Amino acid sequence: MSNEQGRIFREAWIAGVTKHYPGEPKPGYITPWEDTPDWERQSAAAVYDQVRAFVKVSEGNTSKLTREQKGRFVALCWIAQIHRHIPDPKPSYVADWEHLPAWQQETDADIFERIESAS
């Protein structure tokens, strides 16, 4: 897993939060890469790799997925990382797609599309 790939994921997250979050986002949502905890860096790189691999094995046909499908994929991959790094996460950290706020759903879809365009 590459630091650069994790950074791209984090930058896409911050851009999405900045664009979609209603009002002023929590500081932790827009923490720069350099100040992001190690577990989040590792998770960002892992999810980037999962999305990139998914795009590759589908031979570019992820372009046919809806934004919701793309966002769901990112959200599910992220939930797995939460379980990997946090033994007893808060329910909101591992909420299913339909329980995520709209801003987070849109941000996750943006992340997928950013990675997809780089693949």
PDB file of N, CA and C in Angstrom:
ATOM      1  N   MET A   1       0.834  -1.182   0.000  1.00  0.00           N
ATOM      2  CA  MET A   1       0.000   0.000   0.000  1.00  0.00           C
ATOM      3  C   MET A   1       0.875   1.241   0.000  1.00  0.00           C
ATOM      4  N   SER A   2       0.523   2.136  -0.825  1.00  0.00           N
ATOM      5  CA  SER A   2       1.320   3.333  -1.024  1.00  0.00           C
ATOM      6  C   SER A   2       0.791   4.515  -0.220  1.00  0.00           C
ATOM      7  N   ASN A   3       1.731   5.262   0.307  1.00  0.00           N
ATOM      8  CA  ASN A   3       1.386   6.498   0.994  1.00  0.00           C
ATOM      9  C   ASN A   3       0.694   7.453   0.030  1.00  0.00           C
ATOM     10  N   GLU A   4       1.168   7.490  -1.213  1.00  0.00           N
ATOM     11  CA  GLU A   4       0.584   8.395  -2.213  1.00  0.00           C
ATOM     12  C   GLU A   4      -0.869   8.029  -2.506  1.00  0.00           C
ATOM     13  N   GLN A   5      -1.158   6.739  -2.582  1.00  0.00           N
ATOM     14  CA  GLN A   5      -2.533   6.314  -2.837  1.00  0.00           C
ATOM     15  C   GLN A   5      -3.438   6.690  -1.668  1.00  0.00           C
ATOM     16  N   GLY A   6      -2.944   6.500  -0.456  1.00  0.00           N
ATOM     17  CA  GLY A   6      -3.712   6.906   0.716  1.00  0.00           C
ATOM     18  C   GLY A   6      -3.962   8.399   0.731  1.00  0.00           C
ATOM     19  N   ARG A   7      -2.953   9.151   0.317  1.00  0.00           N
ATOM     20  CA  ARG A   7      -3.080  10.607   0.266  1.00  0.00           C
ATOM     21  C   ARG A   7      -4.154  11.015  -0.753  1.00  0.00           C
ATOM     22  N   ILE A   8      -4.182  10.356  -1.916  1.00  0.00           N
ATOM     23  CA  ILE A   8      -5.204  10.647  -2.925  1.00  0.00           C
ATOM     24  C   ILE A   8      -6.594  10.381  -2.357  1.00  0.00           C
ATOM     25  N   PHE A   9      -6.747   9.250  -1.650  1.00  0.00           N
ATOM     26  CA  PHE A   9      -8.018   8.927  -1.015  1.00  0.00           C
ATOM     27  C   PHE A   9      -8.409  10.033  -0.036  1.00  0.00           C
ATOM     28  N   ARG A  10      -7.465  10.427   0.824  1.00  0.00           N
ATOM     29  CA  ARG A  10      -7.758  11.443   1.853  1.00  0.00           C
ATOM     30  C   ARG A  10      -8.116  12.788   1.211  1.00  0.00           C
ATOM     31  N   GLU A  11      -7.389  13.155   0.172  1.00  0.00           N
ATOM     32  CA  GLU A  11      -7.684  14.419  -0.514  1.00  0.00           C
ATOM     33  C   GLU A  11      -9.065  14.383  -1.160  1.00  0.00           C
ATOM     34  N   ALA A  12      -9.448  13.213  -1.701  1.00  0.00           N
ATOM     35  CA  ALA A  12     -10.791  13.075  -2.286  1.00  0.00           C
ATOM     36  C   ALA A  12     -11.854  13.150  -1.182  1.00  0.00           C
ATOM     37  N   TRP A  13     -11.547  12.578  -0.016  1.00  0.00           N
ATOM     38  CA  TRP A  13     -12.465  12.655   1.121  1.00  0.00           C
ATOM     39  C   TRP A  13     -12.662  14.115   1.535  1.00  0.00           C
ATOM     40  N   ILE A  14     -11.563  14.836   1.722  1.00  0.00           N
ATOM     41  CA  ILE A  14     -11.644  16.238   2.156  1.00  0.00           C
ATOM     42  C   ILE A  14     -12.395  17.075   1.117  1.00  0.00           C
ATOM     43  N   ALA A  15     -12.119  16.853  -0.155  1.00  0.00           N
ATOM     44  CA  ALA A  15     -12.823  17.591  -1.212  1.00  0.00           C
ATOM     45  C   ALA A  15     -14.321  17.291  -1.167  1.00  0.00           C
ATOM     46  N   GLY A  16     -14.671  16.032  -0.956  1.00  0.00           N
ATOM     47  CA  GLY A  16     -16.080  15.651  -0.876  1.00  0.00           C
ATOM     48  C   GLY A  16     -16.771  16.251   0.331  1.00  0.00           C
ATOM     49  N   VAL A  17     -16.103  16.193   1.470  1.00  0.00           N
ATOM     50  CA  VAL A  17     -16.681  16.774   2.688  1.00  0.00           C
ATOM     51  C   VAL A  17     -16.883  18.272   2.489  1.00  0.00           C
ATOM     52  N   THR A  18     -15.876  18.930   1.952  1.00  0.00           N
ATOM     53  CA  THR A  18     -15.957  20.372   1.722  1.00  0.00           C
ATOM     54  C   THR A  18     -17.121  20.715   0.788  1.00  0.00           C
ATOM     55  N   LYS A  19     -17.349  19.864  -0.189  1.00  0.00           N
ATOM     56  CA  LYS A  19     -18.408  20.112  -1.169  1.00  0.00           C
ATOM     57  C   LYS A  19     -19.795  19.746  -0.646  1.00  0.00           C
ATOM     58  N   HIS A  20     -19.913  18.629   0.071  1.00  0.00           N
ATOM     59  CA  HIS A  20     -21.228  18.075   0.384  1.00  0.00           C
ATOM     60  C   HIS A  20     -21.690  18.266   1.830  1.00  0.00           C
ATOM     61  N   TYR A  21     -20.775  18.503   2.751  1.00  0.00           N
ATOM     62  CA  TYR A  21     -21.172  18.604   4.155  1.00  0.00           C
ATOM     63  C   TYR A  21     -22.010  19.859   4.380  1.00  0.00           C
ATOM     64  N   PRO A  22     -23.152  19.719   5.058  1.00  0.00           N
ATOM     65  CA  PRO A  22     -23.988  20.897   5.318  1.00  0.00           C
ATOM     66  C   PRO A  22     -23.410  21.711   6.480  1.00  0.00           C
ATOM     67  N   GLY A  23     -23.008  22.903   6.206  1.00  0.00           N
ATOM     68  CA  GLY A  23     -22.434  23.732   7.258  1.00  0.00           C
ATOM     69  C   GLY A  23     -20.933  23.523   7.398  1.00  0.00           C
ATOM     70  N   GLU A  24     -20.447  23.741   8.594  1.00  0.00           N
ATOM     71  CA  GLU A  24     -19.010  23.633   8.884  1.00  0.00           C
ATOM     72  C   GLU A  24     -18.674  22.205   9.312  1.00  0.00           C
ATOM     73  N   PRO A  25     -17.809  21.506   8.557  1.00  0.00           N
ATOM     74  CA  PRO A  25     -17.471  20.128   8.939  1.00  0.00           C
ATOM     75  C   PRO A  25     -16.639  20.087  10.221  1.00  0.00           C
ATOM     76  N   LYS A  26     -16.738  18.965  10.921  1.00  0.00           N
ATOM     77  CA  LYS A  26     -15.916  18.747  12.106  1.00  0.00           C
ATOM     78  C   LYS A  26     -14.450  18.797  11.687  1.00  0.00           C
ATOM     79  N   PRO A  27     -13.580  19.321  12.533  1.00  0.00           N
ATOM     80  CA  PRO A  27     -12.157  19.405  12.174  1.00  0.00           C
ATOM     81  C   PRO A  27     -11.550  18.053  11.774  1.00  0.00           C
ATOM     82  N   GLY A  28     -11.957  16.980  12.432  1.00  0.00           N
ATOM     83  CA  GLY A  28     -11.422  15.661  12.102  1.00  0.00           C
ATOM     84  C   GLY A  28     -11.758  15.208  10.690  1.00  0.00           C
ATOM     85  N   TYR A  29     -12.855  15.735  10.149  1.00  0.00           N
ATOM     86  CA  TYR A  29     -13.258  15.369   8.795  1.00  0.00           C
ATOM     87  C   TYR A  29     -12.333  15.964   7.743  1.00  0.00           C
ATOM     88  N   ILE A  30     -11.686  17.058   8.078  1.00  0.00           N
ATOM     89  CA  ILE A  30     -10.853  17.736   7.079  1.00  0.00           C
ATOM     90  C   ILE A  30      -9.394  17.850   7.530  1.00  0.00           C
ATOM     91  N   THR A  31      -8.991  16.973   8.449  1.00  0.00           N
ATOM     92  CA  THR A  31      -7.606  16.945   8.904  1.00  0.00           C
ATOM     93  C   THR A  31      -6.696  16.622   7.722  1.00  0.00           C
ATOM     94  N   PRO A  32      -5.649  17.410   7.506  1.00  0.00           N
ATOM     95  CA  PRO A  32      -4.738  17.124   6.397  1.00  0.00           C
ATOM     96  C   PRO A  32      -4.031  15.772   6.581  1.00  0.00           C
ATOM     97  N   TRP A  33      -3.572  15.230   5.472  1.00  0.00           N
ATOM     98  CA  TRP A  33      -2.901  13.928   5.452  1.00  0.00           C
ATOM     99  C   TRP A  33      -1.798  13.839   6.502  1.00  0.00           C
ATOM    100  N   GLU A  34      -0.990  14.859   6.614  1.00  0.00           N
ATOM    101  CA  GLU A  34       0.154  14.836   7.527  1.00  0.00           C
ATOM    102  C   GLU A  34      -0.272  14.650   8.977  1.00  0.00           C
ATOM    103  N   ASP A  35      -1.481  15.076   9.314  1.00  0.00           N
ATOM    104  CA  ASP A  35      -1.979  14.986  10.691  1.00  0.00           C
ATOM    105  C   ASP A  35      -2.965  13.850  10.906  1.00  0.00           C
ATOM    106  N   THR A  36      -3.188  13.050   9.876  1.00  0.00           N
ATOM    107  CA  THR A  36      -4.121  11.930   9.959  1.00  0.00           C
ATOM    108  C   THR A  36      -3.477  10.783  10.732  1.00  0.00           C
ATOM    109  N   PRO A  37      -4.203  10.153  11.666  1.00  0.00           N
ATOM    110  CA  PRO A  37      -3.638   9.024  12.424  1.00  0.00           C
ATOM    111  C   PRO A  37      -3.185   7.892  11.501  1.00  0.00           C
ATOM    112  N   ASP A  38      -2.206   7.143  11.960  1.00  0.00           N
ATOM    113  CA  ASP A  38      -1.644   6.046  11.168  1.00  0.00           C
ATOM    114  C   ASP A  38      -2.701   5.046  10.708  1.00  0.00           C
ATOM    115  N   TRP A  39      -3.624   4.676  11.598  1.00  0.00           N
ATOM    116  CA  TRP A  39      -4.619   3.675  11.205  1.00  0.00           C
ATOM    117  C   TRP A  39      -5.499   4.194  10.064  1.00  0.00           C
ATOM    118  N   GLU A  40      -5.776   5.501  10.068  1.00  0.00           N
ATOM    119  CA  GLU A  40      -6.587   6.072   8.984  1.00  0.00           C
ATOM    120  C   GLU A  40      -5.786   6.137   7.691  1.00  0.00           C
ATOM    121  N   ARG A  41      -4.506   6.409   7.800  1.00  0.00           N
ATOM    122  CA  ARG A  41      -3.642   6.402   6.607  1.00  0.00           C
ATOM    123  C   ARG A  41      -3.606   5.013   5.986  1.00  0.00           C
ATOM    124  N   GLN A  42      -3.410   4.013   6.845  1.00  0.00           N
ATOM    125  CA  GLN A  42      -3.371   2.628   6.357  1.00  0.00           C
ATOM    126  C   GLN A  42      -4.708   2.252   5.720  1.00  0.00           C
ATOM    127  N   SER A  43      -5.786   2.660   6.345  1.00  0.00           N
ATOM    128  CA  SER A  43      -7.124   2.341   5.837  1.00  0.00           C
ATOM    129  C   SER A  43      -7.387   3.035   4.509  1.00  0.00           C
ATOM    130  N   ALA A  44      -6.986   4.295   4.404  1.00  0.00           N
ATOM    131  CA  ALA A  44      -7.172   5.042   3.155  1.00  0.00           C
ATOM    132  C   ALA A  44      -6.432   4.350   2.009  1.00  0.00           C
ATOM    133  N   ALA A  45      -5.196   3.934   2.265  1.00  0.00           N
ATOM    134  CA  ALA A  45      -4.415   3.251   1.227  1.00  0.00           C
ATOM    135  C   ALA A  45      -5.040   1.900   0.866  1.00  0.00           C
ATOM    136  N   ALA A  46      -5.533   1.179   1.877  1.00  0.00           N
ATOM    137  CA  ALA A  46      -6.146  -0.134   1.623  1.00  0.00           C
ATOM    138  C   ALA A  46      -7.402   0.005   0.772  1.00  0.00           C
ATOM    139  N   VAL A  47      -8.255   0.971   1.105  1.00  0.00           N
ATOM    140  CA  VAL A  47      -9.493   1.142   0.337  1.00  0.00           C
ATOM    141  C   VAL A  47      -9.176   1.634  -1.072  1.00  0.00           C
ATOM    142  N   TYR A  48      -8.208   2.521  -1.213  1.00  0.00           N
ATOM    143  CA  TYR A  48      -7.775   2.948  -2.549  1.00  0.00           C
ATOM    144  C   TYR A  48      -7.399   1.713  -3.366  1.00  0.00           C
ATOM    145  N   ASP A  49      -6.576   0.827  -2.784  1.00  0.00           N
ATOM    146  CA  ASP A  49      -6.143  -0.378  -3.499  1.00  0.00           C
ATOM    147  C   ASP A  49      -7.323  -1.276  -3.860  1.00  0.00           C
ATOM    148  N   GLN A  50      -8.305  -1.384  -2.966  1.00  0.00           N
ATOM    149  CA  GLN A  50      -9.470  -2.225  -3.245  1.00  0.00           C
ATOM    150  C   GLN A  50     -10.289  -1.656  -4.407  1.00  0.00           C
ATOM    151  N   VAL A  51     -10.485  -0.356  -4.414  1.00  0.00           N
ATOM    152  CA  VAL A  51     -11.241   0.262  -5.506  1.00  0.00           C
ATOM    153  C   VAL A  51     -10.474   0.104  -6.814  1.00  0.00           C
ATOM    154  N   ARG A  52      -9.177   0.383  -6.778  1.00  0.00           N
ATOM    155  CA  ARG A  52      -8.365   0.266  -7.995  1.00  0.00           C
ATOM    156  C   ARG A  52      -8.402  -1.157  -8.540  1.00  0.00           C
ATOM    157  N   ALA A  53      -8.304  -2.157  -7.653  1.00  0.00           N
ATOM    158  CA  ALA A  53      -8.354  -3.557  -8.091  1.00  0.00           C
ATOM    159  C   ALA A  53      -9.725  -3.884  -8.688  1.00  0.00           C
ATOM    160  N   PHE A  54     -10.774  -3.357  -8.090  1.00  0.00           N
ATOM    161  CA  PHE A  54     -12.130  -3.583  -8.588  1.00  0.00           C
ATOM    162  C   PHE A  54     -12.305  -3.004  -9.989  1.00  0.00           C
ATOM    163  N   VAL A  55     -11.788  -1.810 -10.187  1.00  0.00           N
ATOM    164  CA  VAL A  55     -11.850  -1.180 -11.510  1.00  0.00           C
ATOM    165  C   VAL A  55     -11.080  -2.031 -12.520  1.00  0.00           C
ATOM    166  N   LYS A  56      -9.918  -2.507 -12.110  1.00  0.00           N
ATOM    167  CA  LYS A  56      -9.070  -3.291 -13.016  1.00  0.00           C
ATOM    168  C   LYS A  56      -9.737  -4.618 -13.401  1.00  0.00           C
ATOM    169  N   VAL A  57     -10.235  -5.363 -12.427  1.00  0.00           N
ATOM    170  CA  VAL A  57     -10.821  -6.672 -12.751  1.00  0.00           C
ATOM    171  C   VAL A  57     -12.126  -6.543 -13.524  1.00  0.00           C
ATOM    172  N   SER A  58     -12.758  -5.393 -13.430  1.00  0.00           N
ATOM    173  CA  SER A  58     -13.991  -5.189 -14.210  1.00  0.00           C
ATOM    174  C   SER A  58     -13.682  -4.624 -15.596  1.00  0.00           C
ATOM    175  N   GLU A  59     -12.379  -4.478 -15.879  1.00  0.00           N
ATOM    176  CA  GLU A  59     -11.910  -3.997 -17.176  1.00  0.00           C
ATOM    177  C   GLU A  59     -12.562  -2.667 -17.565  1.00  0.00           C
ATOM    178  N   GLY A  60     -12.652  -1.777 -16.586  1.00  0.00           N
ATOM    179  CA  GLY A  60     -13.177  -0.448 -16.851  1.00  0.00           C
ATOM    180  C   GLY A  60     -14.681  -0.337 -16.875  1.00  0.00           C
ATOM    181  N   ASN A  61     -15.369  -1.425 -16.671  1.00  0.00           N
ATOM    182  CA  ASN A  61     -16.826  -1.397 -16.732  1.00  0.00           C
ATOM    183  C   ASN A  61     -17.479  -0.826 -15.482  1.00  0.00           C
ATOM    184  N   THR A  62     -16.670  -0.381 -14.535  1.00  0.00           N
ATOM    185  CA  THR A  62     -17.241   0.300 -13.377  1.00  0.00           C
ATOM    186  C   THR A  62     -17.889   1.614 -13.802  1.00  0.00           C
ATOM    187  N   SER A  63     -17.546   2.093 -14.976  1.00  0.00           N
ATOM    188  CA  SER A  63     -18.185   3.317 -15.481  1.00  0.00           C
ATOM    189  C   SER A  63     -19.686   3.121 -15.664  1.00  0.00           C
ATOM    190  N   LYS A  64     -20.123   1.875 -15.724  1.00  0.00           N
ATOM    191  CA  LYS A  64     -21.545   1.576 -15.893  1.00  0.00           C
ATOM    192  C   LYS A  64     -22.293   1.505 -14.563  1.00  0.00           C
ATOM    193  N   LEU A  65     -21.567   1.575 -13.466  1.00  0.00           N
ATOM    194  CA  LEU A  65     -22.199   1.544 -12.145  1.00  0.00           C
ATOM    195  C   LEU A  65     -22.829   2.900 -11.843  1.00  0.00           C
ATOM    196  N   THR A  66     -23.852   2.880 -11.008  1.00  0.00           N
ATOM    197  CA  THR A  66     -24.439   4.138 -10.560  1.00  0.00           C
ATOM    198  C   THR A  66     -23.527   4.753  -9.494  1.00  0.00           C
ATOM    199  N   ARG A  67     -23.719   6.029  -9.243  1.00  0.00           N
ATOM    200  CA  ARG A  67     -22.960   6.671  -8.158  1.00  0.00           C
ATOM    201  C   ARG A  67     -23.235   5.982  -6.833  1.00  0.00           C
ATOM    202  N   GLU A  68     -24.477   5.570  -6.623  1.00  0.00           N
ATOM    203  CA  GLU A  68     -24.792   4.871  -5.375  1.00  0.00           C
ATOM    204  C   GLU A  68     -23.997   3.573  -5.261  1.00  0.00           C
ATOM    205  N   GLN A  69     -23.932   2.797  -6.323  1.00  0.00           N
ATOM    206  CA  GLN A  69     -23.168   1.548  -6.292  1.00  0.00           C
ATOM    207  C   GLN A  69     -21.694   1.810  -6.003  1.00  0.00           C
ATOM    208  N   LYS A  70     -21.158   2.843  -6.608  1.00  0.00           N
ATOM    209  CA  LYS A  70     -19.760   3.202  -6.374  1.00  0.00           C
ATOM    210  C   LYS A  70     -19.545   3.612  -4.917  1.00  0.00           C
ATOM    211  N   GLY A  71     -20.441   4.437  -4.412  1.00  0.00           N
ATOM    212  CA  GLY A  71     -20.321   4.879  -3.026  1.00  0.00           C
ATOM    213  C   GLY A  71     -20.477   3.738  -2.041  1.00  0.00           C
ATOM    214  N   ARG A  72     -21.410   2.840  -2.324  1.00  0.00           N
ATOM    215  CA  ARG A  72     -21.609   1.675  -1.452  1.00  0.00           C
ATOM    216  C   ARG A  72     -20.333   0.838  -1.364  1.00  0.00           C
ATOM    217  N   PHE A  73     -19.641   0.692  -2.486  1.00  0.00           N
ATOM    218  CA  PHE A  73     -18.411  -0.102  -2.492  1.00  0.00           C
ATOM    219  C   PHE A  73     -17.371   0.534  -1.566  1.00  0.00           C
ATOM    220  N   VAL A  74     -17.185   1.821  -1.684  1.00  0.00           N
ATOM    221  CA  VAL A  74     -16.224   2.528  -0.822  1.00  0.00           C
ATOM    222  C   VAL A  74     -16.637   2.387   0.638  1.00  0.00           C
ATOM    223  N   ALA A  75     -17.916   2.604   0.927  1.00  0.00           N
ATOM    224  CA  ALA A  75     -18.393   2.533   2.311  1.00  0.00           C
ATOM    225  C   ALA A  75     -18.160   1.160   2.908  1.00  0.00           C
ATOM    226  N   LEU A  76     -18.436   0.115   2.161  1.00  0.00           N
ATOM    227  CA  LEU A  76     -18.253  -1.246   2.664  1.00  0.00           C
ATOM    228  C   LEU A  76     -16.782  -1.561   2.906  1.00  0.00           C
ATOM    229  N   CYS A  77     -15.934  -1.142   1.988  1.00  0.00           N
ATOM    230  CA  CYS A  77     -14.496  -1.350   2.175  1.00  0.00           C
ATOM    231  C   CYS A  77     -14.005  -0.609   3.419  1.00  0.00           C
ATOM    232  N   TRP A  78     -14.523   0.605   3.630  1.00  0.00           N
ATOM    233  CA  TRP A  78     -14.125   1.398   4.798  1.00  0.00           C
ATOM    234  C   TRP A  78     -14.587   0.731   6.091  1.00  0.00           C
ATOM    235  N   ILE A  79     -15.799   0.200   6.107  1.00  0.00           N
ATOM    236  CA  ILE A  79     -16.314  -0.498   7.292  1.00  0.00           C
ATOM    237  C   ILE A  79     -15.399  -1.656   7.664  1.00  0.00           C
ATOM    238  N   ALA A  80     -14.930  -2.396   6.686  1.00  0.00           N
ATOM    239  CA  ALA A  80     -14.010  -3.505   6.969  1.00  0.00           C
ATOM    240  C   ALA A  80     -12.739  -2.994   7.629  1.00  0.00           C
ATOM    241  N   GLN A  81     -12.252  -1.840   7.195  1.00  0.00           N
ATOM    242  CA  GLN A  81     -11.049  -1.260   7.805  1.00  0.00           C
ATOM    243  C   GLN A  81     -11.330  -0.800   9.237  1.00  0.00           C
ATOM    244  N   ILE A  82     -12.502  -0.261   9.477  1.00  0.00           N
ATOM    245  CA  ILE A  82     -12.869   0.138  10.840  1.00  0.00           C
ATOM    246  C   ILE A  82     -12.806  -1.089  11.752  1.00  0.00           C
ATOM    247  N   HIS A  83     -13.396  -2.190  11.309  1.00  0.00           N
ATOM    248  CA  HIS A  83     -13.380  -3.415  12.116  1.00  0.00           C
ATOM    249  C   HIS A  83     -11.954  -3.932  12.306  1.00  0.00           C
ATOM    250  N   ARG A  84     -11.125  -3.727  11.317  1.00  0.00           N
ATOM    251  CA  ARG A  84      -9.728  -4.167  11.410  1.00  0.00           C
ATOM    252  C   ARG A  84      -8.966  -3.384  12.476  1.00  0.00           C
ATOM    253  N   HIS A  85      -9.227  -2.098  12.582  1.00  0.00           N
ATOM    254  CA  HIS A  85      -8.429  -1.235  13.443  1.00  0.00           C
ATOM    255  C   HIS A  85      -9.078  -0.861  14.778  1.00  0.00           C
ATOM    256  N   ILE A  86     -10.387  -0.987  14.878  1.00  0.00           N
ATOM    257  CA  ILE A  86     -11.078  -0.576  16.099  1.00  0.00           C
ATOM    258  C   ILE A  86     -11.856  -1.782  16.637  1.00  0.00           C
ATOM    259  N   PRO A  87     -11.430  -2.321  17.782  1.00  0.00           N
ATOM    260  CA  PRO A  87     -12.051  -3.548  18.299  1.00  0.00           C
ATOM    261  C   PRO A  87     -13.556  -3.444  18.581  1.00  0.00           C
ATOM    262  N   ASP A  88     -14.015  -2.311  19.085  1.00  0.00           N
ATOM    263  CA  ASP A  88     -15.428  -2.154  19.424  1.00  0.00           C
ATOM    264  C   ASP A  88     -15.905  -0.791  18.930  1.00  0.00           C
ATOM    265  N   PRO A  89     -16.074  -0.656  17.600  1.00  0.00           N
ATOM    266  CA  PRO A  89     -16.411   0.667  17.050  1.00  0.00           C
ATOM    267  C   PRO A  89     -17.819   1.117  17.420  1.00  0.00           C
ATOM    268  N   LYS A  90     -17.990   2.429  17.453  1.00  0.00           N
ATOM    269  CA  LYS A  90     -19.325   2.991  17.649  1.00  0.00           C
ATOM    270  C   LYS A  90     -20.191   2.588  16.455  1.00  0.00           C
ATOM    271  N   PRO A  91     -21.466   2.352  16.686  1.00  0.00           N
ATOM    272  CA  PRO A  91     -22.353   1.952  15.586  1.00  0.00           C
ATOM    273  C   PRO A  91     -22.312   2.907  14.390  1.00  0.00           C
ATOM    274  N   SER A  92     -22.157   4.189  14.635  1.00  0.00           N
ATOM    275  CA  SER A  92     -22.132   5.145  13.519  1.00  0.00           C
ATOM    276  C   SER A  92     -20.907   4.944  12.626  1.00  0.00           C
ATOM    277  N   TYR A  93     -19.829   4.353  13.164  1.00  0.00           N
ATOM    278  CA  TYR A  93     -18.625   4.101  12.375  1.00  0.00           C
ATOM    279  C   TYR A  93     -18.820   2.972  11.380  1.00  0.00           C
ATOM    280  N   VAL A  94     -19.775   2.089  11.660  1.00  0.00           N
ATOM    281  CA  VAL A  94     -19.966   0.903  10.819  1.00  0.00           C
ATOM    282  C   VAL A  94     -21.412   0.825  10.291  1.00  0.00           C
ATOM    283  N   ALA A  95     -22.037   1.975  10.162  1.00  0.00           N
ATOM    284  CA  ALA A  95     -23.430   2.024   9.703  1.00  0.00           C
ATOM    285  C   ALA A  95     -23.542   1.581   8.248  1.00  0.00           C
ATOM    286  N   ASP A  96     -24.624   0.882   7.948  1.00  0.00           N
ATOM    287  CA  ASP A  96     -24.908   0.494   6.567  1.00  0.00           C
ATOM    288  C   ASP A  96     -25.213   1.737   5.737  1.00  0.00           C
ATOM    289  N   TRP A  97     -25.090   1.573   4.440  1.00  0.00           N
ATOM    290  CA  TRP A  97     -25.254   2.657   3.482  1.00  0.00           C
ATOM    291  C   TRP A  97     -26.507   3.501   3.740  1.00  0.00           C
ATOM    292  N   GLU A  98     -27.635   2.823   3.911  1.00  0.00           N
ATOM    293  CA  GLU A  98     -28.888   3.563   4.047  1.00  0.00           C
ATOM    294  C   GLU A  98     -28.957   4.400   5.329  1.00  0.00           C
ATOM    295  N   HIS A  99     -28.043   4.164   6.259  1.00  0.00           N
ATOM    296  CA  HIS A  99     -28.003   4.933   7.500  1.00  0.00           C
ATOM    297  C   HIS A  99     -26.942   6.037   7.480  1.00  0.00           C
ATOM    298  N   LEU A 100     -26.195   6.139   6.387  1.00  0.00           N
ATOM    299  CA  LEU A 100     -25.195   7.202   6.273  1.00  0.00           C
ATOM    300  C   LEU A 100     -25.877   8.497   5.856  1.00  0.00           C
ATOM    301  N   PRO A 101     -25.369   9.620   6.335  1.00  0.00           N
ATOM    302  CA  PRO A 101     -25.930  10.893   5.876  1.00  0.00           C
ATOM    303  C   PRO A 101     -25.641  11.084   4.384  1.00  0.00           C
ATOM    304  N   ALA A 102     -26.489  11.859   3.723  1.00  0.00           N
ATOM    305  CA  ALA A 102     -26.354  12.082   2.281  1.00  0.00           C
ATOM    306  C   ALA A 102     -24.990  12.642   1.918  1.00  0.00           C
ATOM    307  N   TRP A 103     -24.437  13.540   2.731  1.00  0.00           N
ATOM    308  CA  TRP A 103     -23.128  14.124   2.418  1.00  0.00           C
ATOM    309  C   TRP A 103     -22.049  13.044   2.378  1.00  0.00           C
ATOM    310  N   GLN A 104     -22.158  12.060   3.268  1.00  0.00           N
ATOM    311  CA  GLN A 104     -21.153  10.995   3.293  1.00  0.00           C
ATOM    312  C   GLN A 104     -21.330  10.045   2.113  1.00  0.00           C
ATOM    313  N   GLN A 105     -22.567   9.770   1.742  1.00  0.00           N
ATOM    314  CA  GLN A 105     -22.818   8.940   0.564  1.00  0.00           C
ATOM    315  C   GLN A 105     -22.230   9.602  -0.679  1.00  0.00           C
ATOM    316  N   GLU A 106     -22.472  10.896  -0.838  1.00  0.00           N
ATOM    317  CA  GLU A 106     -21.942  11.617  -1.997  1.00  0.00           C
ATOM    318  C   GLU A 106     -20.411  11.647  -1.976  1.00  0.00           C
ATOM    319  N   THR A 107     -19.843  11.840  -0.809  1.00  0.00           N
ATOM    320  CA  THR A 107     -18.381  11.865  -0.681  1.00  0.00           C
ATOM    321  C   THR A 107     -17.786  10.516  -1.045  1.00  0.00           C
ATOM    322  N   ASP A 108     -18.398   9.423  -0.587  1.00  0.00           N
ATOM    323  CA  ASP A 108     -17.891   8.089  -0.919  1.00  0.00           C
ATOM    324  C   ASP A 108     -17.955   7.842  -2.428  1.00  0.00           C
ATOM    325  N   ALA A 109     -19.021   8.286  -3.071  1.00  0.00           N
ATOM    326  CA  ALA A 109     -19.123   8.142  -4.530  1.00  0.00           C
ATOM    327  C   ALA A 109     -18.045   8.973  -5.221  1.00  0.00           C
ATOM    328  N   ASP A 110     -17.794  10.181  -4.718  1.00  0.00           N
ATOM    329  CA  ASP A 110     -16.728  11.025  -5.277  1.00  0.00           C
ATOM    330  C   ASP A 110     -15.370  10.339  -5.160  1.00  0.00           C
ATOM    331  N   ILE A 111     -15.121   9.702  -4.024  1.00  0.00           N
ATOM    332  CA  ILE A 111     -13.853   8.994  -3.813  1.00  0.00           C
ATOM    333  C   ILE A 111     -13.693   7.905  -4.859  1.00  0.00           C
ATOM    334  N   PHE A 112     -14.725   7.102  -5.054  1.00  0.00           N
ATOM    335  CA  PHE A 112     -14.652   6.030  -6.050  1.00  0.00           C
ATOM    336  C   PHE A 112     -14.323   6.611  -7.411  1.00  0.00           C
ATOM    337  N   GLU A 113     -15.031   7.654  -7.809  1.00  0.00           N
ATOM    338  CA  GLU A 113     -14.826   8.237  -9.134  1.00  0.00           C
ATOM    339  C   GLU A 113     -13.442   8.851  -9.283  1.00  0.00           C
ATOM    340  N   ARG A 114     -12.901   9.393  -8.213  1.00  0.00           N
ATOM    341  CA  ARG A 114     -11.527   9.940  -8.255  1.00  0.00           C
ATOM    342  C   ARG A 114     -10.524   8.819  -8.498  1.00  0.00           C
ATOM    343  N   ILE A 115     -10.677   7.724  -7.779  1.00  0.00           N
ATOM    344  CA  ILE A 115      -9.777   6.573  -7.944  1.00  0.00           C
ATOM    345  C   ILE A 115      -9.984   5.943  -9.316  1.00  0.00           C
ATOM    346  N   GLU A 116     -11.227   5.824  -9.723  1.00  0.00           N
ATOM    347  CA  GLU A 116     -11.561   5.255 -11.032  1.00  0.00           C
ATOM    348  C   GLU A 116     -10.894   6.047 -12.153  1.00  0.00           C
ATOM    349  N   SER A 117     -10.905   7.360 -12.052  1.00  0.00           N
ATOM    350  CA  SER A 117     -10.317   8.189 -13.107  1.00  0.00           C
ATOM    351  C   SER A 117      -8.804   8.110 -13.127  1.00  0.00           C
ATOM    352  N   ALA A 118      -8.205   7.716 -12.003  1.00  0.00           N
ATOM    353  CA  ALA A 118      -6.751   7.590 -11.934  1.00  0.00           C
ATOM    354  C   ALA A 118      -6.257   6.215 -12.350  1.00  0.00           C
ATOM    355  N   SER A 119      -7.187   5.257 -12.471  1.00  0.00           N
ATOM    356  CA  SER A 119      -6.792   3.866 -12.780  1.00  0.00           C
ATOM    357  C   SER A 119      -6.582   3.642 -14.251  1.00  0.00           C
TER     358      SER A 119
END
